[in-house]
């Protein structure tokens, strides 16, 4: 019988004269984390090297709001896929260097000039928690593969349940792939509850998902992917001033569904929109749903979902003493904070709530959390038979009811770490600070006759405003645009100017242009955050309001930065007009 010589020596080390595969393996060992304690840790050294390398992309003082020195997009989209995996093995160091290069030109979310959207810099505790997850790969699918790590998801449910005014013992949550994932979980929950046999026979009844005109466009994704169909969305008119759901119109819809025996799968209350900070009157919505229930002999009870992914954190002020004001917020800002918190109080009436930690949680992407009030109902409604090759080793096994069957702990650890780190007081300080900066910005806008804030009633995370040619009285111009159909031609003209200013600012940001010695801020704009008052049904796509947007989400933002924003806007306006 032929024998083969082993590639291993008596100390279980690969021999120097081993086969080629074993030589490669010997080289690769250093590129994997050690499984036991060592005097030096190659992984820690590699991470330290990578962080130092990417730190070199950070700007110098007064530098632009992107990483690196090359703001240009270097992807050749026509040929980028003309590539094969290398035939020979590279080195981990070379790949890390290549990876750092990919970040060249990326928007720097930590820069105080970055205020384009609800994309804040992640806090260090959440970043480290997420990185640790990547090292040891706990899978929060079931207890065996996550062990104590899945406590982060369970404790998140308890902390969020307490925040929402629910019983934490009966609250459950699932970290998922984004606000879209939260919406999708809610649609699945609603269909499983209302259409009793939909899980086995499919969706064979046109149940309705009712939401406001301001609802996030992910409503299309979720109803499409869940097989209900986008035609089964019914949109409720919104108030022209508050952008909140019109209760009279909602009652008409629910009454009509009741009379025609059309089942309502869910009603979605948007609890703080990105642009308009619109809060639907969720307590009254619950009353109307109870007044016009589904026929209980055929269907289950409709679900009430609160899409609070943007503004959920304002509930941290439930614990705040507004009389004593221990954090010493200004008299202008304090009532606005209180109003935001009170607008969210009604989420306690919801069956489920969507939360994004990567928005108002200052955590890494993606750390969204679908939170449900009745964990027994949700988990039993969606329960599946167990797997033959996965054995339950603990009482907590989301594999029985989750959409995902590989569940990284990255998001749950990031969200959990943020709540543990910030606490109520940390959330209060960071959110209140945003409104302090925002109040300062709005005062600057009001001090210029040719600029106007177009969402003065909203006190969320964004200021929307318009800039007009020099000599125009912005307040008067905007009032005519908003109310007078005879002024539509001028509205369209000023919308074109607004977009041109936004495009100019983006061009300046990308090219590192300086205004008064400081780089241009990274802003964005909306091409229709609200419709004109004579266009409530949105039938005329031109009769809407464009606006520039500033989200001072960053902890590094100062009043001086707010002044600079308006200086840049007016400079961009002047250049756009001169070019025209």
Protein backbone atom coordinates (compact mmCIF):
# COMPACT_ATOMS: atom_id res chain seq x y z
CA UNK A 1 0.00 0.00 0.00
CA UNK A 2 1.30 3.42 -0.97
CA UNK A 3 1.80 5.84 1.94
CA UNK A 4 1.91 9.62 1.92
CA UNK A 5 4.22 11.75 4.01
CA UNK A 6 2.44 14.28 6.19
CA UNK A 7 3.02 18.02 5.70
CA UNK A 8 2.96 18.46 9.46
CA UNK A 9 5.89 17.96 11.83
CA UNK A 10 5.69 16.56 15.34
CA UNK A 11 4.85 20.02 16.78
CA UNK A 12 1.84 20.37 14.44
CA UNK A 13 3.70 22.99 12.40
CA UNK A 14 3.86 22.96 8.62
CA UNK A 15 7.20 21.62 7.43
CA UNK A 16 9.48 23.94 5.48
CA UNK A 17 9.48 21.49 2.59
CA UNK A 18 5.71 21.00 2.63
CA UNK A 19 3.49 20.91 -0.45
CA UNK A 20 2.56 24.18 -2.17
CA UNK A 21 -0.94 24.25 -0.69
CA UNK A 22 0.54 23.98 2.79
CA UNK A 23 3.04 26.76 2.08
CA UNK A 24 0.22 29.05 1.05
CA UNK A 25 -1.67 28.08 4.18
CA UNK A 26 1.37 28.90 6.31
CA UNK A 27 1.56 32.39 4.77
CA UNK A 28 -2.18 32.97 5.22
CA UNK A 29 -2.22 32.22 8.95
CA UNK A 30 -0.90 35.68 9.72
CA UNK A 31 -3.80 37.22 7.78
CA UNK A 32 -6.41 35.61 10.04
CA UNK A 33 -7.10 36.59 13.65
CA UNK A 34 -5.39 34.33 16.16
CA UNK A 35 -7.71 31.98 18.03
CA UNK A 36 -5.74 32.29 21.26
CA UNK A 37 -3.89 34.98 23.18
CA UNK A 38 -0.54 35.94 21.74
CA UNK A 39 2.14 38.41 22.74
CA UNK A 40 1.28 40.45 19.67
CA UNK A 41 -2.06 40.54 17.87
CA UNK A 42 -1.78 40.74 14.06
CA UNK A 43 -5.44 41.76 13.77
CA UNK A 44 -5.09 44.65 16.21
CA UNK A 45 -1.96 45.77 14.38
CA UNK A 46 -3.71 45.55 11.00
CA UNK A 47 -6.75 47.48 12.23
CA UNK A 48 -4.51 50.11 13.76
CA UNK A 49 -2.61 50.42 10.49
CA UNK A 50 -5.83 50.68 8.46
CA UNK A 51 -7.32 53.33 10.76
CA UNK A 52 -4.09 55.34 10.58
CA UNK A 53 -4.12 55.04 6.78
CA UNK A 54 -7.72 56.19 6.44
CA UNK A 55 -7.05 58.97 8.94
CA UNK A 56 -4.61 60.37 6.39
CA UNK A 57 -7.63 61.05 4.19
CA UNK A 58 -9.11 63.41 6.75
CA UNK A 59 -8.77 67.08 5.79
CA UNK A 60 -6.51 69.63 7.37
CA UNK A 61 -8.10 72.49 9.29
CA UNK A 62 -10.65 74.33 7.13
CA UNK A 63 -10.43 71.53 4.55
CA UNK A 64 -13.33 70.24 2.41
CA UNK A 65 -16.11 68.00 3.68
CA UNK A 66 -14.92 64.88 1.89
CA UNK A 67 -12.10 62.39 2.49
CA UNK A 68 -8.82 62.63 0.64
CA UNK A 69 -7.51 65.10 -1.88
CA UNK A 70 -9.24 63.79 -5.01
CA UNK A 71 -12.95 64.67 -5.04
CA UNK A 72 -13.52 63.24 -8.51
CA UNK A 73 -15.49 60.08 -9.11
CA UNK A 74 -12.89 57.70 -10.58
CA UNK A 75 -15.19 54.82 -11.49
CA UNK A 76 -15.24 54.07 -15.21
CA UNK A 77 -18.79 52.74 -15.30
CA UNK A 78 -18.43 51.51 -18.87
CA UNK A 79 -15.53 49.24 -18.04
CA UNK A 80 -15.53 48.75 -14.25
CA UNK A 81 -16.74 45.14 -14.55
CA UNK A 82 -13.97 44.19 -16.97
CA UNK A 83 -12.02 42.52 -14.21
CA UNK A 84 -11.21 39.01 -13.02
CA UNK A 85 -10.16 37.73 -9.66
CA UNK A 86 -6.34 37.58 -9.50
CA UNK A 87 -4.75 34.22 -10.27
CA UNK A 88 -2.14 34.60 -7.52
CA UNK A 89 -2.62 35.40 -3.87
CA UNK A 90 -1.94 38.99 -2.82
CA UNK A 91 -1.13 40.22 0.68
CA UNK A 92 -3.59 41.45 3.30
CA UNK A 93 -1.61 44.69 3.60
CA UNK A 94 -1.96 45.36 -0.13
CA UNK A 95 -5.71 44.74 -0.02
CA UNK A 96 -6.08 47.04 3.00
CA UNK A 97 -4.22 49.76 1.07
CA UNK A 98 -6.52 49.21 -1.91
CA UNK A 99 -9.53 49.41 0.37
CA UNK A 100 -8.45 52.72 1.87
CA UNK A 101 -8.13 54.11 -1.67
CA UNK A 102 -11.84 53.42 -2.24
CA UNK A 103 -12.68 56.01 0.42
CA UNK A 104 -11.03 58.79 -1.55
CA UNK A 105 -13.65 61.49 -2.15
CA UNK A 106 -16.28 59.97 0.14
CA UNK A 107 -18.42 62.54 2.02
CA UNK A 108 -17.01 62.97 5.51
CA UNK A 109 -20.00 62.56 7.82
CA UNK A 110 -17.98 63.84 10.76
CA UNK A 111 -17.13 67.16 9.12
CA UNK A 112 -19.06 70.17 10.48
CA UNK A 113 -19.73 71.34 6.91
CA UNK A 114 -21.60 68.10 6.11
CA UNK A 115 -25.33 68.67 6.59
CA UNK A 116 -26.92 67.16 3.49
CA UNK A 117 -29.22 64.62 5.15
CA UNK A 118 -29.99 62.64 8.30
CA UNK A 119 -26.60 60.91 8.08
CA UNK A 120 -24.71 61.76 11.27
CA UNK A 121 -21.27 60.60 12.32
CA UNK A 122 -21.38 57.36 14.31
CA UNK A 123 -20.28 57.46 17.95
CA UNK A 124 -17.14 55.57 18.96
CA UNK A 125 -18.84 53.09 21.32
CA UNK A 126 -21.19 51.95 18.55
CA UNK A 127 -18.36 51.71 16.01
CA UNK A 128 -16.25 49.52 18.30
CA UNK A 129 -19.25 47.33 19.16
CA UNK A 130 -19.95 46.84 15.44
CA UNK A 131 -16.30 46.04 14.68
CA UNK A 132 -16.17 43.43 17.43
CA UNK A 133 -19.14 41.74 15.80
CA UNK A 134 -17.20 41.51 12.54
CA UNK A 135 -14.28 39.76 14.26
CA UNK A 136 -16.17 36.88 15.86
CA UNK A 137 -19.27 36.73 13.64
CA UNK A 138 -22.02 36.03 16.16
CA UNK A 139 -25.16 35.09 14.26
CA UNK A 140 -28.23 36.27 16.17
CA UNK A 141 -30.26 33.60 14.45
CA UNK A 142 -30.34 31.41 17.54
CA UNK A 143 -28.59 30.89 20.85
CA UNK A 144 -25.88 28.45 19.83
CA UNK A 145 -24.26 30.81 17.32
CA UNK A 146 -24.70 34.03 19.30
CA UNK A 147 -24.70 32.92 22.95
CA UNK A 148 -24.61 36.05 25.17
CA UNK A 149 -24.34 38.43 22.22
CA UNK A 150 -28.04 38.12 21.45
CA UNK A 151 -28.66 39.72 24.82
CA UNK A 152 -27.99 43.00 22.98
CA UNK A 153 -31.17 42.51 20.92
CA UNK A 154 -33.23 41.43 23.92
CA UNK A 155 -32.02 44.31 26.09
CA UNK A 156 -32.68 46.68 23.18
CA UNK A 157 -36.29 45.50 23.22
CA UNK A 158 -36.51 46.25 26.95
CA UNK A 159 -34.92 49.69 26.69
CA UNK A 160 -37.05 50.68 23.69
CA UNK A 161 -40.20 49.25 25.27
CA UNK A 162 -39.63 51.46 28.30
CA UNK A 163 -38.92 54.45 26.04
CA UNK A 164 -42.22 53.95 24.19
CA UNK A 165 -44.31 53.45 27.31
CA UNK A 166 -44.88 49.72 26.66
CA UNK A 167 -44.42 46.78 29.01
CA UNK A 168 -40.76 45.85 28.38
CA UNK A 169 -41.41 42.21 29.29
CA UNK A 170 -43.78 41.80 26.35
CA UNK A 171 -41.85 44.02 23.91
CA UNK A 172 -39.82 42.40 21.17
CA UNK A 173 -37.51 43.76 18.49
CA UNK A 174 -35.56 42.68 15.44
CA UNK A 175 -32.60 44.56 14.01
CA UNK A 176 -32.89 44.58 10.26
CA UNK A 177 -31.49 46.06 7.06
CA UNK A 178 -32.97 49.58 7.24
CA UNK A 179 -36.20 51.53 7.59
CA UNK A 180 -37.35 49.65 4.50
CA UNK A 181 -36.85 46.40 6.42
CA UNK A 182 -38.97 47.75 9.28
CA UNK A 183 -41.74 48.68 6.82
CA UNK A 184 -41.55 45.23 5.24
CA UNK A 185 -41.74 43.46 8.60
CA UNK A 186 -44.82 45.53 9.46
CA UNK A 187 -46.56 44.59 6.17
CA UNK A 188 -45.80 40.90 6.76
CA UNK A 189 -47.03 41.15 10.36
CA UNK A 190 -50.22 42.90 9.20
CA UNK A 191 -51.00 40.42 6.42
CA UNK A 192 -50.38 37.44 8.71
CA UNK A 193 -52.68 38.92 11.33
CA UNK A 194 -55.49 40.08 9.03
CA UNK A 195 -55.50 37.40 6.30
CA UNK A 196 -55.41 34.25 8.39
CA UNK A 197 -54.34 31.80 5.69
CA UNK A 198 -52.05 34.12 3.72
CA UNK A 199 -48.90 32.39 4.96
CA UNK A 200 -49.93 29.07 3.48
CA UNK A 201 -52.14 30.02 0.54
CA UNK A 202 -50.58 33.36 -0.35
CA UNK A 203 -52.13 36.82 -0.47
CA UNK A 204 -55.42 36.23 -2.31
CA UNK A 205 -57.37 39.21 -0.93
CA UNK A 206 -56.78 42.87 -1.70
CA UNK A 207 -56.22 44.10 1.84
CA UNK A 208 -55.30 47.77 2.08
CA UNK A 209 -52.30 49.56 3.56
CA UNK A 210 -53.33 53.11 4.47
CA UNK A 211 -50.75 55.84 4.94
CA UNK A 212 -50.41 59.58 4.45
CA UNK A 213 -49.24 61.44 1.37
CA UNK A 214 -46.05 62.17 3.31
CA UNK A 215 -45.24 58.49 3.92
CA UNK A 216 -41.82 57.27 2.84
CA UNK A 217 -41.56 55.82 -0.65
CA UNK A 218 -40.52 52.49 0.83
CA UNK A 219 -44.27 51.80 1.00
CA UNK A 220 -43.88 50.83 -2.67
CA UNK A 221 -40.99 48.46 -1.93
CA UNK A 222 -42.70 46.73 0.95
CA UNK A 223 -46.12 46.18 -0.61
CA UNK A 224 -44.47 45.03 -3.83
CA UNK A 225 -42.00 42.57 -2.25
CA UNK A 226 -44.62 41.19 0.15
CA UNK A 227 -46.88 40.34 -2.80
CA UNK A 228 -49.72 42.65 -1.79
CA UNK A 229 -49.12 45.02 -4.69
CA UNK A 230 -48.61 48.76 -4.80
CA UNK A 231 -52.19 49.32 -6.02
CA UNK A 232 -53.39 48.37 -2.55
CA UNK A 233 -51.87 51.45 -0.95
CA UNK A 234 -54.40 54.16 -0.07
CA UNK A 235 -52.95 57.60 0.63
CA UNK A 236 -54.58 59.95 3.09
CA UNK A 237 -54.54 63.67 2.34
CA UNK A 238 -52.35 65.77 4.61
CA UNK A 239 -52.83 69.16 6.20
CA UNK A 240 -51.33 71.89 4.03
CA UNK A 241 -49.64 73.57 7.02
CA UNK A 242 -48.59 70.68 9.26
CA UNK A 243 -48.24 67.90 6.64
CA UNK A 244 -50.01 65.64 9.15
CA UNK A 245 -52.70 63.13 8.21
CA UNK A 246 -56.18 64.57 7.60
CA UNK A 247 -58.36 62.67 10.08
CA UNK A 248 -61.59 63.44 8.23
CA UNK A 249 -60.22 61.91 5.05
CA UNK A 250 -58.90 58.91 6.97
CA UNK A 251 -62.34 58.36 8.49
CA UNK A 252 -63.92 58.49 5.02
CA UNK A 253 -61.47 55.79 3.82
CA UNK A 254 -61.97 53.53 6.84
CA UNK A 255 -65.74 53.91 6.67
CA UNK A 256 -65.75 53.07 2.97
CA UNK A 257 -63.62 49.96 3.56
CA UNK A 258 -65.92 48.90 6.38
CA UNK A 259 -69.08 49.34 4.32
CA UNK A 260 -67.59 47.43 1.37
CA UNK A 261 -66.08 44.75 3.65
CA UNK A 262 -62.59 45.49 2.30
CA UNK A 263 -60.03 44.43 4.91
CA UNK A 264 -57.52 46.98 6.15
CA UNK A 265 -54.15 45.34 6.72
CA UNK A 266 -52.55 48.33 8.40
CA UNK A 267 -52.63 52.04 8.96
CA UNK A 268 -49.22 53.70 9.01
CA UNK A 269 -48.60 56.85 11.01
CA UNK A 270 -45.51 58.75 9.95
CA UNK A 271 -44.02 60.04 13.18
CA UNK A 272 -41.59 62.67 11.93
CA UNK A 273 -40.72 62.95 8.24
CA UNK A 274 -37.22 63.72 6.97
CA UNK A 275 -38.07 67.11 5.46
CA UNK A 276 -41.32 68.37 6.97
CA UNK A 277 -41.05 66.81 10.45
CA UNK A 278 -44.70 65.80 10.09
CA UNK A 279 -46.26 63.88 12.98
CA UNK A 280 -49.53 62.08 12.31
CA UNK A 281 -52.11 62.24 15.17
CA UNK A 282 -51.64 58.61 16.12
CA UNK A 283 -53.92 58.57 19.20
CA UNK A 284 -56.88 59.74 17.11
CA UNK A 285 -55.92 57.32 14.35
CA UNK A 286 -56.18 54.47 16.85
CA UNK A 287 -59.65 55.68 17.85
CA UNK A 288 -60.80 55.68 14.22
CA UNK A 289 -59.38 52.20 13.63
CA UNK A 290 -61.31 50.94 16.64
CA UNK A 291 -64.45 52.67 15.33
CA UNK A 292 -64.22 50.96 11.92
CA UNK A 293 -62.72 47.52 12.55
CA UNK A 294 -62.42 44.70 10.04
CA UNK A 295 -65.18 42.10 10.01
CA UNK A 296 -63.92 39.79 12.77
CA UNK A 297 -65.72 36.78 11.30
CA UNK A 298 -63.47 36.93 8.23
CA UNK A 299 -60.40 38.97 9.08
CA UNK A 300 -58.06 39.81 11.89
CA UNK A 301 -57.53 43.20 13.51
CA UNK A 302 -55.74 45.85 11.41
CA UNK A 303 -52.23 46.75 12.53
CA UNK A 304 -51.20 50.26 13.57
CA UNK A 305 -47.58 50.92 12.57
CA UNK A 306 -45.58 54.00 13.60
CA UNK A 307 -42.83 54.86 11.13
CA UNK A 308 -40.63 56.78 13.56
CA UNK A 309 -37.24 55.94 12.06
CA UNK A 310 -36.15 59.60 11.80
CA UNK A 311 -37.52 61.17 14.97
CA UNK A 312 -37.97 58.39 17.54
CA UNK A 313 -35.17 59.68 19.80
CA UNK A 314 -37.13 62.80 20.83
CA UNK A 315 -38.89 60.48 23.27
CA UNK A 316 -35.74 60.64 25.40
CA UNK A 317 -37.23 63.91 26.69
CA UNK A 318 -40.00 61.95 28.41
CA UNK A 319 -37.59 61.87 31.33
CA UNK A 320 -36.72 65.59 31.14
CA UNK A 321 -37.76 68.15 33.75
CA UNK A 322 -38.90 71.03 31.56
CA UNK A 323 -39.55 73.22 34.59
CA UNK A 324 -36.03 72.96 36.04
CA UNK A 325 -34.39 72.63 32.59
CA UNK A 326 -31.18 71.01 33.96
CA UNK A 327 -29.39 71.11 30.58
CA UNK A 328 -30.15 74.83 30.30
CA UNK A 329 -31.66 74.93 26.84
CA UNK A 330 -32.58 78.41 25.65
CA UNK A 331 -36.07 79.80 26.14
CA UNK A 332 -36.59 79.76 22.36
CA UNK A 333 -35.72 76.09 22.00
CA UNK A 334 -37.19 74.51 25.13
CA UNK A 335 -40.86 74.61 24.02
CA UNK A 336 -39.89 73.18 20.62
CA UNK A 337 -38.20 70.20 22.25
CA UNK A 338 -41.26 69.65 24.41
CA UNK A 339 -43.56 69.81 21.38
CA UNK A 340 -41.49 67.17 19.53
CA UNK A 341 -41.58 64.85 22.52
CA UNK A 342 -45.31 65.32 23.03
CA UNK A 343 -45.97 64.67 19.32
CA UNK A 344 -44.36 61.25 19.74
CA UNK A 345 -46.09 60.29 22.99
CA UNK A 346 -48.88 58.63 21.02
CA UNK A 347 -46.61 55.88 19.69
CA UNK A 348 -47.62 53.92 22.78
CA UNK A 349 -50.86 53.18 20.88
CA UNK A 350 -48.98 51.53 18.00
CA UNK A 351 -48.62 47.79 17.55
CA UNK A 352 -45.16 48.20 16.05
CA UNK A 353 -42.61 50.98 15.60
CA UNK A 354 -39.68 51.47 13.23
CA UNK A 355 -36.42 52.88 14.62
CA UNK A 356 -33.18 53.83 12.85
CA UNK A 357 -30.11 54.08 15.03
CA UNK A 358 -28.06 55.18 12.03
CA UNK A 359 -30.22 58.31 11.88
CA UNK A 360 -31.16 59.80 15.24
CA UNK A 361 -28.96 57.27 17.03
CA UNK A 362 -25.56 58.31 15.69
CA UNK A 363 -24.65 54.68 14.93
CA UNK A 364 -23.09 52.91 11.91
CA UNK A 365 -25.10 51.69 8.92
CA UNK A 366 -27.26 49.71 9.03
CA UNK A 367 -28.75 49.60 12.51
CA UNK A 368 -32.51 49.70 12.07
CA UNK A 369 -34.82 48.08 14.58
CA UNK A 370 -38.39 46.82 14.14
CA UNK A 371 -40.02 46.98 17.57
CA UNK A 372 -43.31 45.24 18.37
CA UNK A 373 -45.49 45.55 21.45
CA UNK A 374 -46.79 41.98 21.69
CA UNK A 375 -43.88 39.60 21.22
CA UNK A 376 -45.99 36.48 21.73
CA UNK A 377 -48.42 37.48 18.98
CA UNK A 378 -45.78 38.53 16.46
CA UNK A 379 -43.46 35.60 17.01
CA UNK A 380 -46.23 32.99 17.00
CA UNK A 381 -47.95 34.49 13.94
CA UNK A 382 -44.74 34.23 11.93
CA UNK A 383 -43.41 31.03 13.47
CA UNK A 384 -42.05 28.36 11.11
CA UNK A 385 -41.09 24.74 11.69
CA UNK A 386 -37.55 24.40 13.02
CA UNK A 387 -34.56 23.33 10.96
CA UNK A 388 -33.17 19.80 11.09
CA UNK A 389 -29.60 21.07 11.29
CA UNK A 390 -30.06 23.93 13.77
CA UNK A 391 -30.76 22.98 17.36
CA UNK A 392 -32.27 25.46 19.87
CA UNK A 393 -29.76 25.97 22.68
CA UNK A 394 -31.56 28.87 24.35
CA UNK A 395 -35.13 30.19 24.70
CA UNK A 396 -34.40 32.95 22.15
CA UNK A 397 -34.37 31.67 18.57
CA UNK A 398 -35.36 34.29 15.95
CA UNK A 399 -34.68 31.73 13.21
CA UNK A 400 -38.27 30.61 13.80
CA UNK A 401 -39.85 33.85 12.54
CA UNK A 402 -37.36 36.27 10.92
CA UNK A 403 -37.06 37.14 7.25
CA UNK A 404 -33.27 36.90 7.45
CA UNK A 405 -31.71 33.52 8.15
CA UNK A 406 -28.23 34.95 8.56
CA UNK A 407 -28.39 37.74 11.10
CA UNK A 408 -25.18 39.66 11.78
CA UNK A 409 -25.05 41.20 15.24
CA UNK A 410 -23.50 44.41 13.87
CA UNK A 411 -26.67 46.51 14.02
CA UNK A 412 -27.89 45.18 17.35
CA UNK A 413 -24.56 45.75 19.07
CA UNK A 414 -24.31 49.25 17.58
CA UNK A 415 -27.82 50.25 18.69
CA UNK A 416 -27.45 48.64 22.10
CA UNK A 417 -24.04 50.27 22.70
CA UNK A 418 -25.44 53.68 21.74
CA UNK A 419 -28.29 53.44 24.24
CA UNK A 420 -25.92 52.23 26.95
CA UNK A 421 -23.49 55.07 26.19
CA UNK A 422 -25.85 58.02 25.59
CA UNK A 423 -28.56 57.25 28.10
CA UNK A 424 -31.49 59.63 28.26
CA UNK A 425 -29.29 62.61 29.09
CA UNK A 426 -26.91 62.03 26.17
CA UNK A 427 -29.78 61.88 23.69
CA UNK A 428 -31.27 65.02 25.24
CA UNK A 429 -28.03 66.97 24.94
CA UNK A 430 -27.28 66.01 21.34
CA UNK A 431 -30.86 66.55 20.08
CA UNK A 432 -31.36 69.79 21.95
CA UNK A 433 -28.05 71.02 20.58
CA UNK A 434 -29.31 70.47 17.04
CA UNK A 435 -32.27 72.75 17.72
CA UNK A 436 -30.02 75.39 19.30
CA UNK A 437 -27.91 75.49 16.12
CA UNK A 438 -31.01 75.38 13.98
CA UNK A 439 -32.60 78.27 15.84
CA UNK A 440 -29.45 80.29 15.25
CA UNK A 441 -29.55 79.45 11.52
CA UNK A 442 -33.19 80.48 11.21
CA UNK A 443 -32.46 83.80 12.88
CA UNK A 444 -29.72 84.44 10.30
CA UNK A 445 -32.14 83.54 7.49
CA UNK A 446 -34.71 85.95 8.92
CA UNK A 447 -32.09 88.70 9.12
CA UNK A 448 -31.63 88.61 5.32
CA UNK A 449 -34.56 90.06 3.41
CA UNK A 450 -33.83 87.87 0.37
CA UNK A 451 -33.92 84.52 2.24
CA UNK A 452 -36.88 82.80 3.89
CA UNK A 453 -37.31 79.67 5.99
CA UNK A 454 -40.12 77.63 4.41
CA UNK A 455 -40.68 75.20 7.28
CA UNK A 456 -40.92 77.61 10.24
CA UNK A 457 -43.62 75.53 11.94
CA UNK A 458 -41.41 72.43 11.88
CA UNK A 459 -38.80 71.90 14.55
CA UNK A 460 -37.17 68.64 13.59
CA UNK A 461 -33.70 67.96 12.28
CA UNK A 462 -33.75 70.14 9.16
CA UNK A 463 -34.17 73.74 8.07
CA UNK A 464 -35.58 74.29 4.57
CA UNK A 465 -35.16 77.69 2.97
CA UNK A 466 -35.16 79.62 -0.29
CA UNK A 467 -32.92 82.42 -1.57
CA UNK A 468 -34.14 85.05 -4.04
CA UNK A 469 -32.38 87.71 -6.14
CA UNK A 470 -31.13 90.76 -4.31
CA UNK A 471 -33.88 93.31 -3.78
CA UNK A 472 -36.69 90.71 -3.56
CA UNK A 473 -38.58 90.60 -0.26
CA UNK A 474 -38.45 86.86 0.37
CA UNK A 475 -41.38 86.66 2.80
CA UNK A 476 -43.74 88.39 0.37
CA UNK A 477 -42.47 86.43 -2.65
CA UNK A 478 -42.87 83.11 -0.92
CA UNK A 479 -46.39 83.92 0.32
CA UNK A 480 -47.49 84.64 -3.27
CA UNK A 481 -45.83 81.47 -4.56
CA UNK A 482 -47.57 79.37 -1.94
CA UNK A 483 -51.07 80.84 -2.24
CA UNK A 484 -51.63 82.55 -5.60
CA UNK A 485 -52.22 80.37 -8.71
CA UNK A 486 -51.68 83.45 -10.88
CA UNK A 487 -48.12 83.56 -9.53
CA UNK A 488 -47.26 80.06 -10.68
CA UNK A 489 -44.95 81.17 -13.49
CA UNK A 490 -42.81 83.08 -10.98
CA UNK A 491 -42.90 80.07 -8.63
CA UNK A 492 -41.49 77.85 -11.37
CA UNK A 493 -38.82 80.43 -12.16
CA UNK A 494 -37.75 80.64 -8.51
CA UNK A 495 -37.78 76.86 -8.24
CA UNK A 496 -35.32 76.73 -11.13
CA UNK A 497 -33.16 79.27 -9.31
CA UNK A 498 -33.30 77.21 -6.09
CA UNK A 499 -32.21 74.05 -7.89
CA UNK A 500 -29.42 75.93 -9.66
CA UNK A 501 -28.16 77.26 -6.31
CA UNK A 502 -28.22 73.72 -4.90
CA UNK A 503 -26.32 72.36 -7.89
CA UNK A 504 -23.79 75.20 -7.68
CA UNK A 505 -23.19 74.54 -3.99
CA UNK A 506 -22.66 70.84 -4.68
CA UNK A 507 -20.19 71.69 -7.46
CA UNK A 508 -18.31 74.03 -5.12
CA UNK A 509 -18.31 71.41 -2.33
CA UNK A 510 -16.84 68.81 -4.67
CA UNK A 511 -14.19 71.18 -5.97
CA UNK A 512 -13.14 72.45 -2.58
CA UNK A 513 -14.09 76.04 -3.40
CA UNK A 514 -13.70 78.43 -0.51
CA UNK A 515 -15.97 81.31 0.40
CA UNK A 516 -14.47 83.82 2.83
CA UNK A 517 -11.54 81.46 3.40
CA UNK A 518 -13.62 78.40 4.28
CA UNK A 519 -14.72 75.49 2.11
CA UNK A 520 -18.30 75.22 0.88
CA UNK A 521 -20.72 73.17 3.03
CA UNK A 522 -22.24 69.95 1.75
CA UNK A 523 -25.96 70.78 1.54
CA UNK A 524 -28.82 69.26 -0.44
CA UNK A 525 -32.17 70.39 -1.79
CA UNK A 526 -35.72 69.15 -2.20
CA UNK A 527 -37.61 69.35 -5.48
CA UNK A 528 -41.00 69.49 -3.81
CA UNK A 529 -41.14 69.19 -0.05
CA UNK A 530 -44.68 70.61 -0.13
CA UNK A 531 -47.30 71.58 -2.71
CA UNK A 532 -48.83 75.03 -3.20
CA UNK A 533 -52.04 75.61 -1.28
CA UNK A 534 -54.08 75.60 -4.51
CA UNK A 535 -52.59 72.23 -5.47
CA UNK A 536 -53.54 70.11 -2.48
CA UNK A 537 -54.20 67.02 -4.57
CA UNK A 538 -50.70 67.38 -6.13
CA UNK A 539 -52.24 67.10 -9.59
CA UNK A 540 -49.94 69.84 -10.93
CA UNK A 541 -46.31 68.68 -10.58
CA UNK A 542 -45.02 72.21 -11.15
CA UNK A 543 -47.05 73.82 -8.35
CA UNK A 544 -44.74 72.71 -5.56
CA UNK A 545 -42.02 74.28 -3.44
CA UNK A 546 -38.33 73.59 -4.00
CA UNK A 547 -36.06 74.29 -1.03
CA UNK A 548 -32.44 74.14 0.06
CA UNK A 549 -31.84 71.88 3.05
CA UNK A 550 -29.48 72.04 6.03
CA UNK A 551 -29.32 69.21 8.58
CA UNK A 552 -27.05 70.33 11.45
CA UNK A 553 -26.88 66.76 12.82
CA UNK A 554 -23.17 66.89 13.53
CA UNK A 555 -21.84 67.43 17.05
CA UNK A 556 -19.05 69.55 15.52
CA UNK A 557 -21.46 72.16 14.07
CA UNK A 558 -21.20 75.64 15.60
CA UNK A 559 -23.08 78.95 15.16
CA UNK A 560 -20.14 80.19 13.09
CA UNK A 561 -20.72 77.30 10.66
CA UNK A 562 -24.38 78.33 10.42
CA UNK A 563 -23.35 81.87 9.41
CA UNK A 564 -21.04 80.41 6.78
CA UNK A 565 -23.88 78.35 5.29
CA UNK A 566 -25.88 81.46 4.41
CA UNK A 567 -22.79 83.29 3.14
CA UNK A 568 -22.17 80.42 0.72
CA UNK A 569 -25.79 80.24 -0.38
CA UNK A 570 -25.87 83.93 -1.23
CA UNK A 571 -22.52 83.69 -3.04
CA UNK A 572 -23.82 80.75 -5.08
CA UNK A 573 -27.01 82.65 -5.84
CA UNK A 574 -25.04 85.62 -7.14
CA UNK A 575 -22.89 83.44 -9.39
CA UNK A 576 -25.92 81.56 -10.76
CA UNK A 577 -27.70 84.82 -11.57
CA UNK A 578 -24.59 86.29 -13.20
CA UNK A 579 -24.28 83.18 -15.40
CA UNK A 580 -27.90 83.45 -16.46
